[in-house]
Every structure is written in C-alpha cells, then in structure tokens.
C-alpha cells in the first residue's frame, strides 16, 4: 500500500501543470481512497469477495487509461517510470527492522508433547 501511495504522489506532482489531467487524477484518487486505502472489509461484488490484488490492478489500469486519455501521455509515463524507480530503489536498499516473527523464531523453542496418562 505504501508503494502505491508513493507512485500516486509522484504522478500527482507531475500533473500540477496539466489541470484537466489533475482533475481526472483527483477523481481517480477518490475511487482509490474508497475502494483501496480506507476499506476495512473485503470488497464484495455480486456477493463474491474481491481480493486486494484485483482491486489494485483494476484501479491502476483504470487510472492509467483515464489519464492517458487527457493528452498528457509523456508526462504521465515519465512520472510513472520515476515512481517505479523510487519504489524499486527503496525495495532493494531498505533493510527492515527485526520483525516480531523473526524475534519469535529466535526465542521460541517448541515444547515437546507431554505423554498422556
């Protein structure tokens, strides 16, 4: 989710000089907020749960297509490339702090089963 926010922020900054594209982008951001970022429960469509990956893919493609229809194609594709490079650099060089799972694995010793009497 954080990487999606970074890419969307880079695209937003690049659209400051294209007002029509910025309006379309802000409308898409409202959809992102309600359908992806602020949702606590899984999205249901026709009684079936839709996974986060599917929602992310559909929103990404829809946002990209709508923005490309506004005529700022080079600007949008360049900003997407810059956003992806930033995300990839962070993913490669980021060293996460010890997670709870790793700590639990370090200090947890399984207890052998007790014989039943």
PDB file of N, CA and C in Angstrom:
ATOM      1  N   UNK A   1       0.827  -1.174   0.000  1.00  0.00           N
ATOM      2  CA  UNK A   1       0.000   0.000   0.000  1.00  0.00           C
ATOM      3  C   UNK A   1       0.884   1.255   0.000  1.00  0.00           C
ATOM      4  N   UNK A   2       1.967   1.230   0.751  1.00  0.00           N
ATOM      5  CA  UNK A   2       2.839   2.399   0.808  1.00  0.00           C
ATOM      6  C   UNK A   2       3.479   2.694  -0.547  1.00  0.00           C
ATOM      7  N   UNK A   3       3.831   1.649  -1.276  1.00  0.00           N
ATOM      8  CA  UNK A   3       4.426   1.860  -2.587  1.00  0.00           C
ATOM      9  C   UNK A   3       3.413   2.478  -3.556  1.00  0.00           C
ATOM     10  N   UNK A   4       2.168   2.067  -3.468  1.00  0.00           N
ATOM     11  CA  UNK A   4       1.128   2.657  -4.313  1.00  0.00           C
ATOM     12  C   UNK A   4       0.977   4.142  -3.998  1.00  0.00           C
ATOM     13  N   UNK A   5       1.055   4.506  -2.730  1.00  0.00           N
ATOM     14  CA  UNK A   5       0.945   5.915  -2.339  1.00  0.00           C
ATOM     15  C   UNK A   5       2.112   6.714  -2.909  1.00  0.00           C
ATOM     16  N   UNK A   6       3.314   6.155  -2.875  1.00  0.00           N
ATOM     17  CA  UNK A   6       4.487   6.853  -3.412  1.00  0.00           C
ATOM     18  C   UNK A   6       4.330   7.100  -4.912  1.00  0.00           C
ATOM     19  N   UNK A   7       3.931   6.081  -5.647  1.00  0.00           N
ATOM     20  CA  UNK A   7       3.768   6.235  -7.101  1.00  0.00           C
ATOM     21  C   UNK A   7       2.663   7.251  -7.398  1.00  0.00           C
ATOM     22  N   UNK A   8       1.547   7.183  -6.683  1.00  0.00           N
ATOM     23  CA  UNK A   8       0.464   8.132  -6.911  1.00  0.00           C
ATOM     24  C   UNK A   8       0.886   9.558  -6.557  1.00  0.00           C
ATOM     25  N   UNK A   9       1.702   9.731  -5.541  1.00  0.00           N
ATOM     26  CA  UNK A   9       2.186  11.067  -5.177  1.00  0.00           C
ATOM     27  C   UNK A   9       3.091  11.644  -6.270  1.00  0.00           C
ATOM     28  N   UNK A  10       3.952  10.814  -6.848  1.00  0.00           N
ATOM     29  CA  UNK A  10       4.822  11.277  -7.933  1.00  0.00           C
ATOM     30  C   UNK A  10       3.988  11.672  -9.145  1.00  0.00           C
ATOM     31  N   UNK A  11       2.980  10.876  -9.480  1.00  0.00           N
ATOM     32  CA  UNK A  11       2.105  11.218 -10.615  1.00  0.00           C
ATOM     33  C   UNK A  11       1.362  12.517 -10.320  1.00  0.00           C
ATOM     34  N   UNK A  12       0.868  12.681  -9.099  1.00  0.00           N
ATOM     35  CA  UNK A  12       0.158  13.905  -8.725  1.00  0.00           C
ATOM     36  C   UNK A  12       1.055  15.124  -8.912  1.00  0.00           C
ATOM     37  N   UNK A  13       2.285  15.050  -8.434  1.00  0.00           N
ATOM     38  CA  UNK A  13       3.198  16.190  -8.567  1.00  0.00           C
ATOM     39  C   UNK A  13       3.491  16.516 -10.029  1.00  0.00           C
ATOM     40  N   UNK A  14       3.544  15.514 -10.868  1.00  0.00           N
ATOM     41  CA  UNK A  14       3.833  15.760 -12.281  1.00  0.00           C
ATOM     42  C   UNK A  14       2.640  16.366 -13.016  1.00  0.00           C
ATOM     43  N   UNK A  15       1.444  16.223 -12.453  1.00  0.00           N
ATOM     44  CA  UNK A  15       0.242  16.725 -13.123  1.00  0.00           C
ATOM     45  C   UNK A  15      -0.149  18.133 -12.696  1.00  0.00           C
ATOM     46  N   UNK A  16       0.656  18.766 -11.859  1.00  0.00           N
ATOM     47  CA  UNK A  16       0.312  20.106 -11.393  1.00  0.00           C
ATOM     48  C   UNK A  16       0.224  21.118 -12.537  1.00  0.00           C
ATOM     49  N   UNK A  17       0.904  20.876 -13.657  1.00  0.00           N
ATOM     50  CA  UNK A  17       0.894  21.789 -14.790  1.00  0.00           C
ATOM     51  C   UNK A  17      -0.085  21.350 -15.885  1.00  0.00           C
ATOM     52  N   UNK A  18      -0.902  20.345 -15.607  1.00  0.00           N
ATOM     53  CA  UNK A  18      -1.924  19.867 -16.549  1.00  0.00           C
ATOM     54  C   UNK A  18      -3.262  19.799 -15.813  1.00  0.00           C
ATOM     55  N   UNK A  19      -4.017  20.895 -15.803  1.00  0.00           N
ATOM     56  CA  UNK A  19      -5.224  20.960 -14.959  1.00  0.00           C
ATOM     57  C   UNK A  19      -6.274  19.898 -15.271  1.00  0.00           C
ATOM     58  N   UNK A  20      -6.510  19.590 -16.536  1.00  0.00           N
ATOM     59  CA  UNK A  20      -7.526  18.583 -16.871  1.00  0.00           C
ATOM     60  C   UNK A  20      -7.091  17.220 -16.350  1.00  0.00           C
ATOM     61  N   UNK A  21      -5.840  16.892 -16.556  1.00  0.00           N
ATOM     62  CA  UNK A  21      -5.325  15.621 -16.052  1.00  0.00           C
ATOM     63  C   UNK A  21      -5.375  15.581 -14.533  1.00  0.00           C
ATOM     64  N   UNK A  22      -5.113  16.707 -13.902  1.00  0.00           N
ATOM     65  CA  UNK A  22      -5.155  16.764 -12.444  1.00  0.00           C
ATOM     66  C   UNK A  22      -6.568  16.528 -11.921  1.00  0.00           C
ATOM     67  N   UNK A  23      -7.564  17.072 -12.582  1.00  0.00           N
ATOM     68  CA  UNK A  23      -8.953  16.847 -12.176  1.00  0.00           C
ATOM     69  C   UNK A  23      -9.324  15.376 -12.330  1.00  0.00           C
ATOM     70  N   UNK A  24      -8.931  14.770 -13.440  1.00  0.00           N
ATOM     71  CA  UNK A  24      -9.194  13.342 -13.647  1.00  0.00           C
ATOM     72  C   UNK A  24      -8.472  12.521 -12.588  1.00  0.00           C
ATOM     73  N   UNK A  25      -7.233  12.903 -12.304  1.00  0.00           N
ATOM     74  CA  UNK A  25      -6.456  12.183 -11.302  1.00  0.00           C
ATOM     75  C   UNK A  25      -7.104  12.291  -9.929  1.00  0.00           C
ATOM     76  N   UNK A  26      -7.564  13.473  -9.557  1.00  0.00           N
ATOM     77  CA  UNK A  26      -8.223  13.643  -8.253  1.00  0.00           C
ATOM     78  C   UNK A  26      -9.500  12.810  -8.169  1.00  0.00           C
ATOM     79  N   UNK A  27     -10.241  12.714  -9.259  1.00  0.00           N
ATOM     80  CA  UNK A  27     -11.438  11.859  -9.271  1.00  0.00           C
ATOM     81  C   UNK A  27     -11.040  10.390  -9.086  1.00  0.00           C
ATOM     82  N   UNK A  28      -9.957   9.996  -9.725  1.00  0.00           N
ATOM     83  CA  UNK A  28      -9.468   8.622  -9.550  1.00  0.00           C
ATOM     84  C   UNK A  28      -8.986   8.399  -8.123  1.00  0.00           C
ATOM     85  N   UNK A  29      -8.380   9.413  -7.533  1.00  0.00           N
ATOM     86  CA  UNK A  29      -7.903   9.289  -6.153  1.00  0.00           C
ATOM     87  C   UNK A  29      -9.053   9.053  -5.181  1.00  0.00           C
ATOM     88  N   UNK A  30     -10.187   9.662  -5.435  1.00  0.00           N
ATOM     89  CA  UNK A  30     -11.364   9.418  -4.600  1.00  0.00           C
ATOM     90  C   UNK A  30     -11.745   7.944  -4.691  1.00  0.00           C
ATOM     91  N   UNK A  31     -11.713   7.397  -5.910  1.00  0.00           N
ATOM     92  CA  UNK A  31     -12.004   5.966  -6.079  1.00  0.00           C
ATOM     93  C   UNK A  31     -10.966   5.124  -5.340  1.00  0.00           C
ATOM     94  N   UNK A  32      -9.684   5.499  -5.430  1.00  0.00           N
ATOM     95  CA  UNK A  32      -8.630   4.776  -4.713  1.00  0.00           C
ATOM     96  C   UNK A  32      -8.884   4.808  -3.213  1.00  0.00           C
ATOM     97  N   UNK A  33      -9.243   5.982  -2.699  1.00  0.00           N
ATOM     98  CA  UNK A  33      -9.470   6.101  -1.257  1.00  0.00           C
ATOM     99  C   UNK A  33     -10.581   5.179  -0.777  1.00  0.00           C
ATOM    100  N   UNK A  34     -11.704   5.210  -1.472  1.00  0.00           N
ATOM    101  CA  UNK A  34     -12.848   4.420  -1.021  1.00  0.00           C
ATOM    102  C   UNK A  34     -12.725   2.931  -1.329  1.00  0.00           C
ATOM    103  N   UNK A  35     -12.106   2.596  -2.446  1.00  0.00           N
ATOM    104  CA  UNK A  35     -12.056   1.185  -2.853  1.00  0.00           C
ATOM    105  C   UNK A  35     -10.790   0.449  -2.401  1.00  0.00           C
ATOM    106  N   UNK A  36      -9.740   1.188  -2.011  1.00  0.00           N
ATOM    107  CA  UNK A  36      -8.496   0.500  -1.675  1.00  0.00           C
ATOM    108  C   UNK A  36      -7.926   0.921  -0.321  1.00  0.00           C
ATOM    109  N   UNK A  37      -7.688   2.208  -0.111  1.00  0.00           N
ATOM    110  CA  UNK A  37      -6.966   2.641   1.076  1.00  0.00           C
ATOM    111  C   UNK A  37      -7.800   2.642   2.355  1.00  0.00           C
ATOM    112  N   UNK A  38      -9.036   3.076   2.306  1.00  0.00           N
ATOM    113  CA  UNK A  38      -9.840   3.246   3.520  1.00  0.00           C
ATOM    114  C   UNK A  38     -10.799   2.093   3.796  1.00  0.00           C
ATOM    115  N   UNK A  39     -10.630   1.008   3.111  1.00  0.00           N
ATOM    116  CA  UNK A  39     -11.537  -0.131   3.245  1.00  0.00           C
ATOM    117  C   UNK A  39     -11.038  -1.080   4.324  1.00  0.00           C
ATOM    118  N   UNK A  40     -11.915  -1.436   5.274  1.00  0.00           N
ATOM    119  CA  UNK A  40     -11.555  -2.385   6.326  1.00  0.00           C
ATOM    120  C   UNK A  40     -11.979  -3.805   5.983  1.00  0.00           C
ATOM    121  N   UNK A  41     -13.054  -3.927   5.254  1.00  0.00           N
ATOM    122  CA  UNK A  41     -13.587  -5.243   4.898  1.00  0.00           C
ATOM    123  C   UNK A  41     -13.308  -5.517   3.422  1.00  0.00           C
ATOM    124  N   UNK A  42     -13.255  -6.781   3.033  1.00  0.00           N
ATOM    125  CA  UNK A  42     -13.041  -7.092   1.614  1.00  0.00           C
ATOM    126  C   UNK A  42     -14.166  -6.527   0.749  1.00  0.00           C
ATOM    127  N   UNK A  43     -13.815  -6.077  -0.432  1.00  0.00           N
ATOM    128  CA  UNK A  43     -14.795  -5.554  -1.375  1.00  0.00           C
ATOM    129  C   UNK A  43     -15.631  -6.711  -1.901  1.00  0.00           C
ATOM    130  N   UNK A  44     -16.948  -6.545  -1.892  1.00  0.00           N
ATOM    131  CA  UNK A  44     -17.847  -7.588  -2.388  1.00  0.00           C
ATOM    132  C   UNK A  44     -18.488  -7.113  -3.680  1.00  0.00           C
ATOM    133  N   UNK A  45     -18.449  -7.969  -4.685  1.00  0.00           N
ATOM    134  CA  UNK A  45     -19.043  -7.662  -5.977  1.00  0.00           C
ATOM    135  C   UNK A  45     -19.899  -8.855  -6.378  1.00  0.00           C
ATOM    136  N   UNK A  46     -21.200  -8.645  -6.511  1.00  0.00           N
ATOM    137  CA  UNK A  46     -22.156  -9.711  -6.835  1.00  0.00           C
ATOM    138  C   UNK A  46     -22.086 -10.847  -5.817  1.00  0.00           C
ATOM    139  N   UNK A  47     -21.914 -10.500  -4.549  1.00  0.00           N
ATOM    140  CA  UNK A  47     -21.896 -11.489  -3.495  1.00  0.00           C
ATOM    141  C   UNK A  47     -20.580 -12.236  -3.337  1.00  0.00           C
ATOM    142  N   UNK A  48     -19.566 -11.874  -4.102  1.00  0.00           N
ATOM    143  CA  UNK A  48     -18.259 -12.536  -4.011  1.00  0.00           C
ATOM    144  C   UNK A  48     -17.214 -11.530  -3.552  1.00  0.00           C
ATOM    145  N   UNK A  49     -16.310 -11.988  -2.733  1.00  0.00           N
ATOM    146  CA  UNK A  49     -15.236 -11.119  -2.248  1.00  0.00           C
ATOM    147  C   UNK A  49     -14.193 -10.932  -3.347  1.00  0.00           C
ATOM    148  N   UNK A  50     -13.750  -9.695  -3.513  1.00  0.00           N
ATOM    149  CA  UNK A  50     -12.731  -9.365  -4.499  1.00  0.00           C
ATOM    150  C   UNK A  50     -11.428  -9.125  -3.744  1.00  0.00           C
ATOM    151  N   UNK A  51     -10.362  -9.772  -4.139  1.00  0.00           N
ATOM    152  CA  UNK A  51      -9.076  -9.657  -3.457  1.00  0.00           C
ATOM    153  C   UNK A  51      -8.434  -8.290  -3.650  1.00  0.00           C
ATOM    154  N   UNK A  52      -7.509  -7.955  -2.749  1.00  0.00           N
ATOM    155  CA  UNK A  52      -6.826  -6.668  -2.821  1.00  0.00           C
ATOM    156  C   UNK A  52      -6.006  -6.531  -4.093  1.00  0.00           C
ATOM    157  N   UNK A  53      -5.403  -7.616  -4.528  1.00  0.00           N
ATOM    158  CA  UNK A  53      -4.599  -7.572  -5.756  1.00  0.00           C
ATOM    159  C   UNK A  53      -5.436  -7.226  -6.979  1.00  0.00           C
ATOM    160  N   UNK A  54      -6.634  -7.779  -7.050  1.00  0.00           N
ATOM    161  CA  UNK A  54      -7.529  -7.485  -8.173  1.00  0.00           C
ATOM    162  C   UNK A  54      -7.983  -6.030  -8.132  1.00  0.00           C
ATOM    163  N   UNK A  55      -8.307  -5.539  -6.936  1.00  0.00           N
ATOM    164  CA  UNK A  55      -8.724  -4.138  -6.800  1.00  0.00           C
ATOM    165  C   UNK A  55      -7.570  -3.220  -7.203  1.00  0.00           C
ATOM    166  N   UNK A  56      -6.370  -3.535  -6.754  1.00  0.00           N
ATOM    167  CA  UNK A  56      -5.192  -2.735  -7.099  1.00  0.00           C
ATOM    168  C   UNK A  56      -4.954  -2.732  -8.608  1.00  0.00           C
ATOM    169  N   UNK A  57      -5.056  -3.879  -9.236  1.00  0.00           N
ATOM    170  CA  UNK A  57      -4.827  -3.974 -10.680  1.00  0.00           C
ATOM    171  C   UNK A  57      -5.877  -3.187 -11.465  1.00  0.00           C
ATOM    172  N   UNK A  58      -7.141  -3.342 -11.109  1.00  0.00           N
ATOM    173  CA  UNK A  58      -8.213  -2.645 -11.832  1.00  0.00           C
ATOM    174  C   UNK A  58      -8.100  -1.137 -11.643  1.00  0.00           C
ATOM    175  N   UNK A  59      -7.860  -0.693 -10.423  1.00  0.00           N
ATOM    176  CA  UNK A  59      -7.723   0.748 -10.183  1.00  0.00           C
ATOM    177  C   UNK A  59      -6.502   1.325 -10.897  1.00  0.00           C
ATOM    178  N   UNK A  60      -5.416   0.572 -10.930  1.00  0.00           N
ATOM    179  CA  UNK A  60      -4.208   1.043 -11.612  1.00  0.00           C
ATOM    180  C   UNK A  60      -4.446   1.209 -13.103  1.00  0.00           C
ATOM    181  N   UNK A  61      -5.035   0.201 -13.715  1.00  0.00           N
ATOM    182  CA  UNK A  61      -5.291   0.255 -15.163  1.00  0.00           C
ATOM    183  C   UNK A  61      -6.306   1.353 -15.476  1.00  0.00           C
ATOM    184  N   UNK A  62      -7.363   1.451 -14.699  1.00  0.00           N
ATOM    185  CA  UNK A  62      -8.383   2.472 -14.921  1.00  0.00           C
ATOM    186  C   UNK A  62      -7.797   3.881 -14.790  1.00  0.00           C
ATOM    187  N   UNK A  63      -6.992   4.097 -13.761  1.00  0.00           N
ATOM    188  CA  UNK A  63      -6.358   5.403 -13.580  1.00  0.00           C
ATOM    189  C   UNK A  63      -5.430   5.720 -14.737  1.00  0.00           C
ATOM    190  N   UNK A  64      -4.624   4.771 -15.144  1.00  0.00           N
ATOM    191  CA  UNK A  64      -3.692   4.986 -16.246  1.00  0.00           C
ATOM    192  C   UNK A  64      -4.431   5.294 -17.549  1.00  0.00           C
ATOM    193  N   UNK A  65      -5.455   4.521 -17.859  1.00  0.00           N
ATOM    194  CA  UNK A  65      -6.208   4.737 -19.106  1.00  0.00           C
ATOM    195  C   UNK A  65      -6.884   6.105 -19.093  1.00  0.00           C
ATOM    196  N   UNK A  66      -7.546   6.455 -17.993  1.00  0.00           N
ATOM    197  CA  UNK A  66      -8.216   7.751 -17.935  1.00  0.00           C
ATOM    198  C   UNK A  66      -7.223   8.909 -18.043  1.00  0.00           C
ATOM    199  N   UNK A  67      -6.071   8.770 -17.417  1.00  0.00           N
ATOM    200  CA  UNK A  67      -5.072   9.838 -17.510  1.00  0.00           C
ATOM    201  C   UNK A  67      -4.477   9.939 -18.913  1.00  0.00           C
ATOM    202  N   UNK A  68      -4.258   8.810 -19.555  1.00  0.00           N
ATOM    203  CA  UNK A  68      -3.704   8.848 -20.909  1.00  0.00           C
ATOM    204  C   UNK A  68      -4.689   9.467 -21.896  1.00  0.00           C
ATOM    205  N   UNK A  69      -5.981   9.366 -21.626  1.00  0.00           N
ATOM    206  CA  UNK A  69      -6.997   9.982 -22.492  1.00  0.00           C
ATOM    207  C   UNK A  69      -7.012  11.500 -22.372  1.00  0.00           C
ATOM    208  N   UNK A  70      -6.368  12.060 -21.350  1.00  0.00           N
ATOM    209  CA  UNK A  70      -6.363  13.514 -21.175  1.00  0.00           C
ATOM    210  C   UNK A  70      -5.293  14.201 -22.004  1.00  0.00           C
ATOM    211  N   UNK A  71      -4.375  13.473 -22.597  1.00  0.00           N
ATOM    212  CA  UNK A  71      -3.396  14.065 -23.501  1.00  0.00           C
ATOM    213  C   UNK A  71      -2.051  14.383 -22.882  1.00  0.00           C
ATOM    214  N   UNK A  72      -1.813  14.019 -21.655  1.00  0.00           N
ATOM    215  CA  UNK A  72      -0.516  14.277 -21.015  1.00  0.00           C
ATOM    216  C   UNK A  72       0.286  12.982 -20.966  1.00  0.00           C
ATOM    217  N   UNK A  73       0.322  12.277 -22.078  1.00  0.00           N
ATOM    218  CA  UNK A  73       0.882  10.932 -22.125  1.00  0.00           C
ATOM    219  C   UNK A  73       2.350  10.879 -21.702  1.00  0.00           C
ATOM    220  N   UNK A  74       3.185  11.712 -22.289  1.00  0.00           N
ATOM    221  CA  UNK A  74       4.614  11.666 -21.981  1.00  0.00           C
ATOM    222  C   UNK A  74       4.850  12.013 -20.519  1.00  0.00           C
ATOM    223  N   UNK A  75       4.164  13.018 -20.025  1.00  0.00           N
ATOM    224  CA  UNK A  75       4.309  13.431 -18.632  1.00  0.00           C
ATOM    225  C   UNK A  75       3.898  12.310 -17.680  1.00  0.00           C
ATOM    226  N   UNK A  76       2.795  11.640 -17.971  1.00  0.00           N
ATOM    227  CA  UNK A  76       2.289  10.576 -17.108  1.00  0.00           C
ATOM    228  C   UNK A  76       3.215   9.366 -17.136  1.00  0.00           C
ATOM    229  N   UNK A  77       3.625   8.965 -18.319  1.00  0.00           N
ATOM    230  CA  UNK A  77       4.505   7.794 -18.409  1.00  0.00           C
ATOM    231  C   UNK A  77       5.856   8.062 -17.755  1.00  0.00           C
ATOM    232  N   UNK A  78       6.376   9.282 -17.894  1.00  0.00           N
ATOM    233  CA  UNK A  78       7.631   9.635 -17.246  1.00  0.00           C
ATOM    234  C   UNK A  78       7.490   9.610 -15.732  1.00  0.00           C
ATOM    235  N   UNK A  79       6.393  10.171 -15.227  1.00  0.00           N
ATOM    236  CA  UNK A  79       6.188  10.186 -13.773  1.00  0.00           C
ATOM    237  C   UNK A  79       5.971   8.777 -13.231  1.00  0.00           C
ATOM    238  N   UNK A  80       5.299   7.919 -13.989  1.00  0.00           N
ATOM    239  CA  UNK A  80       5.145   6.524 -13.568  1.00  0.00           C
ATOM    240  C   UNK A  80       6.501   5.831 -13.511  1.00  0.00           C
ATOM    241  N   UNK A  81       7.332   6.085 -14.495  1.00  0.00           N
ATOM    242  CA  UNK A  81       8.668   5.489 -14.506  1.00  0.00           C
ATOM    243  C   UNK A  81       9.483   5.970 -13.311  1.00  0.00           C
ATOM    244  N   UNK A  82       9.420   7.278 -13.017  1.00  0.00           N
ATOM    245  CA  UNK A  82      10.147   7.821 -11.870  1.00  0.00           C
ATOM    246  C   UNK A  82       9.617   7.195 -10.576  1.00  0.00           C
ATOM    247  N   UNK A  83       8.291   7.082 -10.443  1.00  0.00           N
ATOM    248  CA  UNK A  83       7.705   6.473  -9.251  1.00  0.00           C
ATOM    249  C   UNK A  83       8.120   5.028  -9.075  1.00  0.00           C
ATOM    250  N   UNK A  84       8.131   4.268 -10.163  1.00  0.00           N
ATOM    251  CA  UNK A  84       8.530   2.862 -10.098  1.00  0.00           C
ATOM    252  C   UNK A  84      10.008   2.739  -9.736  1.00  0.00           C
ATOM    253  N   UNK A  85      10.845   3.620 -10.275  1.00  0.00           N
ATOM    254  CA  UNK A  85      12.275   3.590  -9.943  1.00  0.00           C
ATOM    255  C   UNK A  85      12.470   3.891  -8.455  1.00  0.00           C
ATOM    256  N   UNK A  86      11.769   4.882  -7.926  1.00  0.00           N
ATOM    257  CA  UNK A  86      11.861   5.199  -6.498  1.00  0.00           C
ATOM    258  C   UNK A  86      11.451   4.001  -5.656  1.00  0.00           C
ATOM    259  N   UNK A  87      10.346   3.362  -6.020  1.00  0.00           N
ATOM    260  CA  UNK A  87       9.857   2.200  -5.275  1.00  0.00           C
ATOM    261  C   UNK A  87      10.855   1.053  -5.355  1.00  0.00           C
ATOM    262  N   UNK A  88      11.395   0.792  -6.538  1.00  0.00           N
ATOM    263  CA  UNK A  88      12.354  -0.297  -6.693  1.00  0.00           C
ATOM    264  C   UNK A  88      13.641  -0.031  -5.913  1.00  0.00           C
ATOM    265  N   UNK A  89      14.123   1.206  -5.950  1.00  0.00           N
ATOM    266  CA  UNK A  89      15.315   1.541  -5.174  1.00  0.00           C
ATOM    267  C   UNK A  89      15.077   1.341  -3.682  1.00  0.00           C
ATOM    268  N   UNK A  90      13.914   1.753  -3.226  1.00  0.00           N
ATOM    269  CA  UNK A  90      13.599   1.558  -1.812  1.00  0.00           C
ATOM    270  C   UNK A  90      13.513   0.072  -1.483  1.00  0.00           C
ATOM    271  N   UNK A  91      12.867  -0.694  -2.348  1.00  0.00           N
ATOM    272  CA  UNK A  91      12.713  -2.132  -2.091  1.00  0.00           C
ATOM    273  C   UNK A  91      14.066  -2.844  -2.074  1.00  0.00           C
ATOM    274  N   UNK A  92      14.996  -2.404  -2.907  1.00  0.00           N
ATOM    275  CA  UNK A  92      16.300  -3.049  -2.970  1.00  0.00           C
ATOM    276  C   UNK A  92      17.170  -2.688  -1.765  1.00  0.00           C
ATOM    277  N   UNK A  93      17.188  -1.418  -1.385  1.00  0.00           N
ATOM    278  CA  UNK A  93      18.115  -0.960  -0.351  1.00  0.00           C
ATOM    279  C   UNK A  93      17.529  -0.900   1.051  1.00  0.00           C
ATOM    280  N   UNK A  94      16.241  -1.075   1.207  1.00  0.00           N
ATOM    281  CA  UNK A  94      15.619  -0.977   2.530  1.00  0.00           C
ATOM    282  C   UNK A  94      15.907  -2.234   3.345  1.00  0.00           C
ATOM    283  N   UNK A  95      16.409  -2.039   4.543  1.00  0.00           N
ATOM    284  CA  UNK A  95      16.636  -3.155   5.463  1.00  0.00           C
ATOM    285  C   UNK A  95      15.617  -3.027   6.572  1.00  0.00           C
ATOM    286  N   UNK A  96      14.606  -3.867   6.571  1.00  0.00           N
ATOM    287  CA  UNK A  96      13.583  -3.759   7.614  1.00  0.00           C
ATOM    288  C   UNK A  96      14.148  -4.095   8.988  1.00  0.00           C
ATOM    289  N   UNK A  97      13.595  -3.449   9.991  1.00  0.00           N
ATOM    290  CA  UNK A  97      13.978  -3.768  11.367  1.00  0.00           C
ATOM    291  C   UNK A  97      13.511  -5.181  11.677  1.00  0.00           C
ATOM    292  N   UNK A  98      14.077  -5.755  12.713  1.00  0.00           N
ATOM    293  CA  UNK A  98      13.661  -7.103  13.087  1.00  0.00           C
ATOM    294  C   UNK A  98      12.159  -7.132  13.300  1.00  0.00           C
ATOM    295  N   UNK A  99      11.525  -8.045  12.651  1.00  0.00           N
ATOM    296  CA  UNK A  99      10.080  -8.151  12.810  1.00  0.00           C
ATOM    297  C   UNK A  99       9.759  -9.050  13.993  1.00  0.00           C
ATOM    298  N   UNK A 100       8.525  -9.013  14.389  1.00  0.00           N
ATOM    299  CA  UNK A 100       8.082  -9.829  15.522  1.00  0.00           C
ATOM    300  C   UNK A 100       8.238 -11.308  15.197  1.00  0.00           C
ATOM    301  N   UNK A 101       7.976 -11.675  13.943  1.00  0.00           N
ATOM    302  CA  UNK A 101       8.095 -13.082  13.563  1.00  0.00           C
ATOM    303  C   UNK A 101       9.525 -13.576  13.704  1.00  0.00           C
ATOM    304  N   UNK A 102      10.477 -12.754  13.281  1.00  0.00           N
ATOM    305  CA  UNK A 102      11.875 -13.167  13.390  1.00  0.00           C
ATOM    306  C   UNK A 102      12.282 -13.283  14.853  1.00  0.00           C
ATOM    307  N   UNK A 103      11.835 -12.329  15.679  1.00  0.00           N
ATOM    308  CA  UNK A 103      12.165 -12.396  17.095  1.00  0.00           C
ATOM    309  C   UNK A 103      11.548 -13.621  17.742  1.00  0.00           C
ATOM    310  N   UNK A 104      10.314 -13.923  17.357  1.00  0.00           N
ATOM    311  CA  UNK A 104       9.661 -15.105  17.924  1.00  0.00           C
ATOM    312  C   UNK A 104      10.421 -16.359  17.519  1.00  0.00           C
ATOM    313  N   UNK A 105      10.910 -16.403  16.281  1.00  0.00           N
ATOM    314  CA  UNK A 105      11.663 -17.560  15.824  1.00  0.00           C
ATOM    315  C   UNK A 105      12.985 -17.709  16.546  1.00  0.00           C
ATOM    316  N   UNK A 106      13.579 -16.596  16.952  1.00  0.00           N
ATOM    317  CA  UNK A 106      14.844 -16.643  17.660  1.00  0.00           C
ATOM    318  C   UNK A 106      14.696 -17.154  19.081  1.00  0.00           C
ATOM    319  N   UNK A 107      13.625 -16.777  19.746  1.00  0.00           N
ATOM    320  CA  UNK A 107      13.490 -17.064  21.171  1.00  0.00           C
ATOM    321  C   UNK A 107      12.493 -18.173  21.486  1.00  0.00           C
ATOM    322  N   UNK A 108      11.836 -18.685  20.490  1.00  0.00           N
ATOM    323  CA  UNK A 108      10.804 -19.685  20.727  1.00  0.00           C
ATOM    324  C   UNK A 108      11.405 -21.076  20.560  1.00  0.00           C
ATOM    325  N   UNK A 109      11.255 -21.878  21.572  1.00  0.00           N
ATOM    326  CA  UNK A 109      11.676 -23.268  21.495  1.00  0.00           C
ATOM    327  C   UNK A 109      10.423 -24.118  21.668  1.00  0.00           C
ATOM    328  N   UNK A 110      10.117 -24.956  20.701  1.00  0.00           N
ATOM    329  CA  UNK A 110       8.909 -25.752  20.830  1.00  0.00           C
ATOM    330  C   UNK A 110       8.970 -26.676  22.051  1.00  0.00           C
ATOM    331  N   UNK A 111       7.852 -26.791  22.693  1.00  0.00           N
ATOM    332  CA  UNK A 111       7.743 -27.681  23.872  1.00  0.00           C
ATOM    333  C   UNK A 111       7.339 -29.050  23.345  1.00  0.00           C
ATOM    334  N   UNK A 112       8.090 -30.077  23.718  1.00  0.00           N
ATOM    335  CA  UNK A 112       7.718 -31.424  23.241  1.00  0.00           C
ATOM    336  C   UNK A 112       6.375 -31.835  23.841  1.00  0.00           C
ATOM    337  N   UNK A 113       5.629 -32.631  23.110  1.00  0.00           N
ATOM    338  CA  UNK A 113       4.331 -33.053  23.632  1.00  0.00           C
ATOM    339  C   UNK A 113       4.495 -33.908  24.888  1.00  0.00           C
ATOM    340  N   UNK A 114       3.600 -33.707  25.816  1.00  0.00           N
ATOM    341  CA  UNK A 114       3.621 -34.446  27.083  1.00  0.00           C
ATOM    342  C   UNK A 114       2.874 -35.763  26.897  1.00  0.00           C
ATOM    343  N   UNK A 115       3.387 -36.827  27.439  1.00  0.00           N
ATOM    344  CA  UNK A 115       2.656 -38.096  27.306  1.00  0.00           C
ATOM    345  C   UNK A 115       1.357 -38.026  28.093  1.00  0.00           C
ATOM    346  N   UNK A 116       0.343 -38.594  27.529  1.00  0.00           N
ATOM    347  CA  UNK A 116      -0.965 -38.603  28.227  1.00  0.00           C
ATOM    348  C   UNK A 116      -1.054 -39.841  29.113  1.00  0.00           C
ATOM    349  N   UNK A 117      -1.609 -39.689  30.300  1.00  0.00           N
ATOM    350  CA  UNK A 117      -1.722 -40.788  31.250  1.00  0.00           C
ATOM    351  C   UNK A 117      -3.116 -41.282  31.365  1.00  0.00           C
TER     352      UNK A 117
END
